[in-house]
Amino acid sequence: MDFLANSPELFPLMRGGGAFLVAVGLGILVGSLGSRRFRIVSLIAGAALGVVVMGVGGATKVIFDGIGYPEWWQWAVLGVAFLAEGYLVNVVVEKNPDRDSREFWMWMLFVVGAHFLVLTASHGPICGALGLVCMANALIGLRSKKVPFRAFWAIDGVLKIAAGTGMVAVSYA
């Protein structure tokens, strides 16, 4: 793991992003247990918890403690990633009107994975690896029609929890 040794200094957004991923991943994992409505509520709850964690971490300076602050361009990359994700989510919504369909949910997971590739520049290589495995999971979910798509939703949550935990752990190493 030597290639991660300088990651906290190179990618100060890693710790906060990792904490956010753990919260969102928990929401996704819990959401995989229920209906579409439950899935959406759990996702929103996970994201809200992530925002609270980031807010408290930022206010107490824990997020950047010992690793410095991000450069302006890292914040810009974060903004570009959000814009790209928003655009791609809109494309998925327009192309998949059935919000209960496998295609809708798997393409949503794919789009989120794609935005992690952009975030590699601001959040580090673990985030990029997460993007690749999330996209692969979504594509497998699109093709594996005999497996309930909620299984791939659960896998996505576990992947985010694992990557987020790794990002936080590396940031303290």
C-alpha atoms as a PDB file:
ATOM      1  CA  MET A   1       0.000   0.000   0.000  1.00  0.00           C
ATOM      2  CA  ASP A   2       2.963   2.299  -0.483  1.00  0.00           C
ATOM      3  CA  PHE A   3       1.195   3.953  -3.390  1.00  0.00           C
ATOM      4  CA  LEU A   4      -1.360   5.263  -0.867  1.00  0.00           C
ATOM      5  CA  ALA A   5       1.276   6.593   1.556  1.00  0.00           C
ATOM      6  CA  ASN A   6       1.069  10.209   0.366  1.00  0.00           C
ATOM      7  CA  SER A   7      -2.636  10.117  -0.450  1.00  0.00           C
ATOM      8  CA  PRO A   8      -3.823  12.132   2.578  1.00  0.00           C
ATOM      9  CA  GLU A   9      -1.548  15.056   1.719  1.00  0.00           C
ATOM     10  CA  LEU A  10      -2.227  14.830  -2.017  1.00  0.00           C
ATOM     11  CA  PHE A  11      -5.980  14.339  -1.591  1.00  0.00           C
ATOM     12  CA  PRO A  12      -7.173  16.139   1.570  1.00  0.00           C
ATOM     13  CA  LEU A  13     -10.799  15.615   0.501  1.00  0.00           C
ATOM     14  CA  MET A  14     -10.252  11.875   0.956  1.00  0.00           C
ATOM     15  CA  ARG A  15     -11.204  11.748   4.648  1.00  0.00           C
ATOM     16  CA  GLY A  16     -14.433  13.707   4.373  1.00  0.00           C
ATOM     17  CA  GLY A  17     -15.380  11.985   1.137  1.00  0.00           C
ATOM     18  CA  GLY A  18     -14.743   8.620   2.742  1.00  0.00           C
ATOM     19  CA  ALA A  19     -16.922   9.463   5.740  1.00  0.00           C
ATOM     20  CA  PHE A  20     -19.678  10.599   3.375  1.00  0.00           C
ATOM     21  CA  LEU A  21     -19.387   7.342   1.397  1.00  0.00           C
ATOM     22  CA  VAL A  22     -19.777   5.237   4.543  1.00  0.00           C
ATOM     23  CA  ALA A  23     -23.011   7.058   5.432  1.00  0.00           C
ATOM     24  CA  VAL A  24     -24.432   6.869   1.902  1.00  0.00           C
ATOM     25  CA  GLY A  25     -23.356   3.237   1.595  1.00  0.00           C
ATOM     26  CA  LEU A  26     -25.245   2.403   4.784  1.00  0.00           C
ATOM     27  CA  GLY A  27     -28.331   4.108   3.373  1.00  0.00           C
ATOM     28  CA  ILE A  28     -28.029   2.142   0.133  1.00  0.00           C
ATOM     29  CA  LEU A  29     -27.460  -1.154   1.940  1.00  0.00           C
ATOM     30  CA  VAL A  30     -30.478  -0.634   4.214  1.00  0.00           C
ATOM     31  CA  GLY A  31     -32.531   0.533   1.223  1.00  0.00           C
ATOM     32  CA  SER A  32     -31.835  -2.711  -0.607  1.00  0.00           C
ATOM     33  CA  LEU A  33     -34.114  -4.452   1.880  1.00  0.00           C
ATOM     34  CA  GLY A  34     -37.306  -2.701   0.816  1.00  0.00           C
ATOM     35  CA  SER A  35     -39.459  -1.255  -1.913  1.00  0.00           C
ATOM     36  CA  ARG A  36     -38.561   1.634  -4.208  1.00  0.00           C
ATOM     37  CA  ARG A  37     -39.973   4.139  -1.729  1.00  0.00           C
ATOM     38  CA  PHE A  38     -37.949   2.600   1.108  1.00  0.00           C
ATOM     39  CA  ARG A  39     -34.860   2.559  -1.134  1.00  0.00           C
ATOM     40  CA  ILE A  40     -35.227   6.266  -1.889  1.00  0.00           C
ATOM     41  CA  VAL A  41     -35.911   7.229   1.736  1.00  0.00           C
ATOM     42  CA  SER A  42     -32.904   5.199   2.910  1.00  0.00           C
ATOM     43  CA  LEU A  43     -30.682   6.761   0.249  1.00  0.00           C
ATOM     44  CA  ILE A  44     -31.787  10.261   1.271  1.00  0.00           C
ATOM     45  CA  ALA A  45     -31.284   9.422   4.962  1.00  0.00           C
ATOM     46  CA  GLY A  46     -27.780   8.114   4.233  1.00  0.00           C
ATOM     47  CA  ALA A  47     -26.925  11.224   2.225  1.00  0.00           C
ATOM     48  CA  ALA A  48     -28.333  13.471   4.961  1.00  0.00           C
ATOM     49  CA  LEU A  49     -26.252  11.643   7.567  1.00  0.00           C
ATOM     50  CA  GLY A  50     -23.233  12.096   5.299  1.00  0.00           C
ATOM     51  CA  VAL A  51     -23.857  15.835   5.102  1.00  0.00           C
ATOM     52  CA  VAL A  52     -24.153  16.021   8.901  1.00  0.00           C
ATOM     53  CA  VAL A  53     -20.896  14.073   9.313  1.00  0.00           C
ATOM     54  CA  MET A  54     -19.175  16.396   6.840  1.00  0.00           C
ATOM     55  CA  GLY A  55     -20.620  19.480   8.538  1.00  0.00           C
ATOM     56  CA  VAL A  56     -19.557  18.406  12.012  1.00  0.00           C
ATOM     57  CA  GLY A  57     -16.179  17.242  10.714  1.00  0.00           C
ATOM     58  CA  GLY A  58     -15.655  20.547   8.936  1.00  0.00           C
ATOM     59  CA  ALA A  59     -16.804  22.675  11.862  1.00  0.00           C
ATOM     60  CA  THR A  60     -14.537  20.830  14.279  1.00  0.00           C
ATOM     61  CA  LYS A  61     -11.678  20.734  11.719  1.00  0.00           C
ATOM     62  CA  VAL A  62     -11.451  16.936  12.128  1.00  0.00           C
ATOM     63  CA  ILE A  63     -11.835  16.402   8.379  1.00  0.00           C
ATOM     64  CA  PHE A  64      -8.595  18.190   7.534  1.00  0.00           C
ATOM     65  CA  ASP A  65      -6.716  17.671  10.817  1.00  0.00           C
ATOM     66  CA  GLY A  66      -3.109  16.822  10.065  1.00  0.00           C
ATOM     67  CA  ILE A  67      -3.489  16.655   6.279  1.00  0.00           C
ATOM     68  CA  GLY A  68      -3.880  20.252   5.185  1.00  0.00           C
ATOM     69  CA  TYR A  69      -6.544  21.849   3.066  1.00  0.00           C
ATOM     70  CA  PRO A  70      -7.491  21.079  -0.535  1.00  0.00           C
ATOM     71  CA  GLU A  71      -6.206  23.199  -3.393  1.00  0.00           C
ATOM     72  CA  TRP A  72      -8.711  25.318  -5.317  1.00  0.00           C
ATOM     73  CA  TRP A  73      -8.595  22.934  -8.286  1.00  0.00           C
ATOM     74  CA  GLN A  74      -9.633  20.002  -6.081  1.00  0.00           C
ATOM     75  CA  TRP A  75     -12.773  21.891  -5.132  1.00  0.00           C
ATOM     76  CA  ALA A  76     -13.293  22.634  -8.843  1.00  0.00           C
ATOM     77  CA  VAL A  77     -12.984  18.916  -9.675  1.00  0.00           C
ATOM     78  CA  LEU A  78     -15.585  18.180  -7.001  1.00  0.00           C
ATOM     79  CA  GLY A  79     -17.919  20.718  -8.614  1.00  0.00           C
ATOM     80  CA  VAL A  80     -17.351  19.294 -12.103  1.00  0.00           C
ATOM     81  CA  ALA A  81     -18.044  15.779 -10.808  1.00  0.00           C
ATOM     82  CA  PHE A  82     -21.340  16.918  -9.264  1.00  0.00           C
ATOM     83  CA  LEU A  83     -22.361  18.687 -12.474  1.00  0.00           C
ATOM     84  CA  ALA A  84     -21.490  15.639 -14.588  1.00  0.00           C
ATOM     85  CA  GLU A  85     -23.398  13.359 -12.235  1.00  0.00           C
ATOM     86  CA  GLY A  86     -26.420  15.668 -12.271  1.00  0.00           C
ATOM     87  CA  TYR A  87     -26.434  15.752 -16.060  1.00  0.00           C
ATOM     88  CA  LEU A  88     -26.075  11.969 -16.352  1.00  0.00           C
ATOM     89  CA  VAL A  89     -28.810  11.356 -13.761  1.00  0.00           C
ATOM     90  CA  ASN A  90     -31.078  13.571 -15.859  1.00  0.00           C
ATOM     91  CA  VAL A  91     -30.261  11.487 -18.952  1.00  0.00           C
ATOM     92  CA  VAL A  92     -31.109   8.278 -17.066  1.00  0.00           C
ATOM     93  CA  VAL A  93     -34.407   9.754 -15.847  1.00  0.00           C
ATOM     94  CA  GLU A  94     -35.358  10.830 -19.384  1.00  0.00           C
ATOM     95  CA  LYS A  95     -34.407   7.500 -20.992  1.00  0.00           C
ATOM     96  CA  ASN A  96     -35.928   5.261 -18.287  1.00  0.00           C
ATOM     97  CA  PRO A  97     -39.401   6.492 -17.306  1.00  0.00           C
ATOM     98  CA  ASP A  98     -40.149   3.350 -15.246  1.00  0.00           C
ATOM     99  CA  ARG A  99     -38.644   4.233 -11.859  1.00  0.00           C
ATOM    100  CA  ASP A 100     -39.185   0.677 -10.628  1.00  0.00           C
ATOM    101  CA  SER A 101     -37.252  -0.947 -13.449  1.00  0.00           C
ATOM    102  CA  ARG A 102     -33.953  -2.756 -13.210  1.00  0.00           C
ATOM    103  CA  GLU A 103     -32.626  -0.574 -16.029  1.00  0.00           C
ATOM    104  CA  PHE A 104     -33.408   2.650 -14.166  1.00  0.00           C
ATOM    105  CA  TRP A 105     -31.678   1.591 -10.954  1.00  0.00           C
ATOM    106  CA  MET A 106     -28.675  -0.077 -12.568  1.00  0.00           C
ATOM    107  CA  TRP A 107     -28.019   2.939 -14.808  1.00  0.00           C
ATOM    108  CA  MET A 108     -28.282   5.170 -11.726  1.00  0.00           C
ATOM    109  CA  LEU A 109     -25.613   3.075 -10.016  1.00  0.00           C
ATOM    110  CA  PHE A 110     -23.481   3.217 -13.174  1.00  0.00           C
ATOM    111  CA  VAL A 111     -23.732   7.025 -13.361  1.00  0.00           C
ATOM    112  CA  VAL A 112     -22.709   7.416  -9.727  1.00  0.00           C
ATOM    113  CA  GLY A 113     -19.767   5.102 -10.376  1.00  0.00           C
ATOM    114  CA  ALA A 114     -18.763   7.199 -13.384  1.00  0.00           C
ATOM    115  CA  HIS A 115     -18.678  10.362 -11.299  1.00  0.00           C
ATOM    116  CA  PHE A 116     -16.242   8.635  -8.919  1.00  0.00           C
ATOM    117  CA  LEU A 117     -13.816   8.377 -11.825  1.00  0.00           C
ATOM    118  CA  VAL A 118     -13.818  12.175 -12.055  1.00  0.00           C
ATOM    119  CA  LEU A 119     -13.380  12.400  -8.285  1.00  0.00           C
ATOM    120  CA  THR A 120     -10.157  10.389  -8.527  1.00  0.00           C
ATOM    121  CA  ALA A 121      -8.357  13.688  -9.188  1.00  0.00           C
ATOM    122  CA  SER A 122      -9.661  15.249  -5.969  1.00  0.00           C
ATOM    123  CA  HIS A 123     -10.261  12.274  -3.662  1.00  0.00           C
ATOM    124  CA  GLY A 124      -7.566   9.798  -4.676  1.00  0.00           C
ATOM    125  CA  PRO A 125      -7.119   6.344  -6.171  1.00  0.00           C
ATOM    126  CA  ILE A 126      -9.479   4.510  -3.818  1.00  0.00           C
ATOM    127  CA  CYS A 127     -12.287   6.674  -5.169  1.00  0.00           C
ATOM    128  CA  GLY A 128     -11.290   5.816  -8.741  1.00  0.00           C
ATOM    129  CA  ALA A 129     -11.195   2.103  -7.946  1.00  0.00           C
ATOM    130  CA  LEU A 130     -14.630   2.441  -6.347  1.00  0.00           C
ATOM    131  CA  GLY A 131     -15.911   4.018  -9.548  1.00  0.00           C
ATOM    132  CA  LEU A 132     -14.687   1.094 -11.625  1.00  0.00           C
ATOM    133  CA  VAL A 133     -16.158  -1.596  -9.366  1.00  0.00           C
ATOM    134  CA  CYS A 134     -19.469   0.272  -9.005  1.00  0.00           C
ATOM    135  CA  MET A 135     -19.749   0.576 -12.787  1.00  0.00           C
ATOM    136  CA  ALA A 136     -18.895  -3.122 -13.220  1.00  0.00           C
ATOM    137  CA  ASN A 137     -21.482  -4.073 -10.582  1.00  0.00           C
ATOM    138  CA  ALA A 138     -24.128  -2.000 -12.384  1.00  0.00           C
ATOM    139  CA  LEU A 139     -23.312  -3.528 -15.777  1.00  0.00           C
ATOM    140  CA  ILE A 140     -23.446  -7.042 -14.329  1.00  0.00           C
ATOM    141  CA  GLY A 141     -26.770  -6.091 -12.739  1.00  0.00           C
ATOM    142  CA  LEU A 142     -28.109  -4.963 -16.107  1.00  0.00           C
ATOM    143  CA  ARG A 143     -27.210  -8.320 -17.685  1.00  0.00           C
ATOM    144  CA  SER A 144     -28.050 -10.716 -14.827  1.00  0.00           C
ATOM    145  CA  LYS A 145     -31.825 -10.589 -15.108  1.00  0.00           C
ATOM    146  CA  LYS A 146     -32.360 -13.686 -12.948  1.00  0.00           C
ATOM    147  CA  VAL A 147     -30.804 -12.010  -9.912  1.00  0.00           C
ATOM    148  CA  PRO A 148     -33.035  -9.422  -8.199  1.00  0.00           C
ATOM    149  CA  PHE A 149     -31.591  -5.976  -8.863  1.00  0.00           C
ATOM    150  CA  ARG A 150     -31.790  -5.173  -5.168  1.00  0.00           C
ATOM    151  CA  ALA A 151     -28.876  -7.596  -4.721  1.00  0.00           C
ATOM    152  CA  PHE A 152     -26.740  -5.306  -6.880  1.00  0.00           C
ATOM    153  CA  TRP A 153     -28.048  -2.309  -4.947  1.00  0.00           C
ATOM    154  CA  ALA A 154     -26.853  -4.021  -1.730  1.00  0.00           C
ATOM    155  CA  ILE A 155     -23.468  -4.817  -3.295  1.00  0.00           C
ATOM    156  CA  ASP A 156     -23.156  -1.155  -4.284  1.00  0.00           C
ATOM    157  CA  GLY A 157     -23.797  -0.117  -0.681  1.00  0.00           C
ATOM    158  CA  VAL A 158     -21.169  -2.544   0.621  1.00  0.00           C
ATOM    159  CA  LEU A 159     -18.654  -1.286  -1.965  1.00  0.00           C
ATOM    160  CA  LYS A 160     -19.218   2.312  -0.848  1.00  0.00           C
ATOM    161  CA  ILE A 161     -18.922   1.403   2.836  1.00  0.00           C
ATOM    162  CA  ALA A 162     -15.683  -0.501   2.184  1.00  0.00           C
ATOM    163  CA  ALA A 163     -14.131   2.216   0.011  1.00  0.00           C
ATOM    164  CA  GLY A 164     -15.210   4.982   2.383  1.00  0.00           C
ATOM    165  CA  THR A 165     -13.793   3.119   5.366  1.00  0.00           C
ATOM    166  CA  GLY A 166     -10.567   2.600   3.439  1.00  0.00           C
ATOM    167  CA  MET A 167     -10.350   6.282   2.537  1.00  0.00           C
ATOM    168  CA  VAL A 168     -10.817   7.340   6.152  1.00  0.00           C
ATOM    169  CA  ALA A 169      -8.337   4.725   7.418  1.00  0.00           C
ATOM    170  CA  VAL A 170      -5.673   5.724   4.873  1.00  0.00           C
ATOM    171  CA  SER A 171      -6.175   9.394   5.749  1.00  0.00           C
ATOM    172  CA  TYR A 172      -5.158   8.655   9.347  1.00  0.00           C
ATOM    173  CA  ALA A 173      -2.265   6.319   8.488  1.00  0.00           C
END
